[in-house]
Amino acid sequence: MPPPFNFYEPVATTTAATNASIDRVVFQIELLSGQINVLTYEVDGAVAEIAKRGEETISSISNNFNTDTIKNVERMLVSFSSQV
């Protein structure tokens, strides 16, 4: 289960000291990696939704083509044969 949106605090881009400590850098990297994980969960969900909608669209197009096209061809053949 993905963590909730904005689970991690924003990463600070500046520090008050000119020489940031290693701990501060490590902390920022940990925060950034957490945000990347959250983003990954969100992207995975969006891709899954797009794939689902794509499958539904293909199924709908295929079904409509197979159903409506056959009926229309049959109507055209009946219409053509009655004119001949």
Protein backbone atom coordinates (compact mmCIF):
# COMPACT_ATOMS: atom_id res chain seq x y z
CA MET A 1 0.00 0.00 0.00
CA PRO A 2 1.52 3.35 -0.97
CA PRO A 3 2.13 5.99 1.67
CA PRO A 4 -0.27 8.93 1.73
CA PHE A 5 0.30 11.90 -0.56
CA ASN A 6 2.91 14.36 0.79
CA PHE A 7 4.01 11.82 3.38
CA TYR A 8 7.48 13.32 3.50
CA GLU A 9 8.43 16.88 4.31
CA PRO A 10 9.83 19.02 1.47
CA VAL A 11 13.58 18.92 1.04
CA ALA A 12 15.28 22.16 2.04
CA THR A 13 17.47 23.46 -0.75
CA THR A 14 19.56 25.87 1.30
CA THR A 15 21.23 25.77 4.68
CA ALA A 16 22.26 28.56 7.03
CA ALA A 17 25.83 27.29 7.32
CA THR A 18 28.26 27.52 4.44
CA ASN A 19 29.57 24.00 5.11
CA ALA A 20 26.65 21.62 5.54
CA SER A 21 27.39 18.67 7.74
CA ILE A 22 27.44 15.15 6.36
CA ASP A 23 24.47 14.32 8.58
CA ARG A 24 22.43 17.11 7.03
CA VAL A 25 23.29 15.93 3.52
CA VAL A 26 22.40 12.34 4.43
CA PHE A 27 19.13 13.55 5.95
CA GLN A 28 18.25 15.46 2.79
CA ILE A 29 19.07 12.42 0.66
CA GLU A 30 16.80 10.27 2.84
CA LEU A 31 13.97 12.79 2.49
CA LEU A 32 14.47 12.96 -1.26
CA SER A 33 14.49 9.18 -1.57
CA GLY A 34 11.22 9.06 0.36
CA GLN A 35 9.66 11.58 -2.01
CA ILE A 36 10.89 9.53 -4.98
CA ASN A 37 9.21 6.45 -3.47
CA VAL A 38 5.92 8.32 -3.09
CA LEU A 39 6.17 9.56 -6.67
CA THR A 40 6.88 6.01 -7.85
CA TYR A 41 3.70 4.74 -6.17
CA GLU A 42 1.67 7.52 -7.77
CA VAL A 43 3.14 6.89 -11.23
CA ASP A 44 2.53 3.14 -10.90
CA GLY A 45 -1.11 3.82 -10.07
CA ALA A 46 -1.52 6.20 -12.99
CA VAL A 47 0.09 3.74 -15.42
CA ALA A 48 -2.17 0.94 -14.17
CA GLU A 49 -5.23 3.16 -14.71
CA ILE A 50 -4.10 4.06 -18.24
CA ALA A 51 -3.53 0.38 -19.03
CA LYS A 52 -6.98 -0.50 -17.70
CA ARG A 53 -8.63 2.21 -19.79
CA GLY A 54 -6.65 1.10 -22.85
CA GLU A 55 -7.89 -2.47 -22.45
CA GLU A 56 -11.47 -1.22 -22.06
CA THR A 57 -11.14 0.94 -25.19
CA ILE A 58 -9.74 -1.91 -27.28
CA SER A 59 -12.47 -4.23 -26.06
CA SER A 60 -15.16 -1.65 -26.84
CA ILE A 61 -13.80 -0.90 -30.32
CA SER A 62 -13.48 -4.61 -31.10
CA ASN A 63 -16.97 -5.36 -29.83
CA ASN A 64 -18.53 -2.44 -31.71
CA PHE A 65 -16.71 -3.38 -34.91
CA ASN A 66 -17.73 -7.01 -34.69
CA THR A 67 -21.35 -6.21 -33.85
CA ASP A 68 -22.14 -3.06 -35.83
CA THR A 69 -20.02 -3.77 -38.89
CA ILE A 70 -21.55 -7.19 -39.46
CA LYS A 71 -25.07 -5.76 -39.14
CA ASN A 72 -24.24 -2.90 -41.51
CA VAL A 73 -22.71 -5.24 -44.10
CA GLU A 74 -25.77 -7.48 -43.92
CA ARG A 75 -28.04 -4.45 -44.43
CA MET A 76 -25.96 -3.29 -47.39
CA LEU A 77 -26.10 -6.76 -48.96
CA VAL A 78 -29.88 -6.94 -48.51
CA SER A 79 -30.26 -3.44 -49.94
CA PHE A 80 -27.97 -4.24 -52.87
CA SER A 81 -29.65 -7.56 -53.65
CA SER A 82 -33.10 -5.96 -53.62
CA GLN A 83 -31.92 -3.36 -56.15
CA VAL A 84 -30.52 -5.94 -58.56
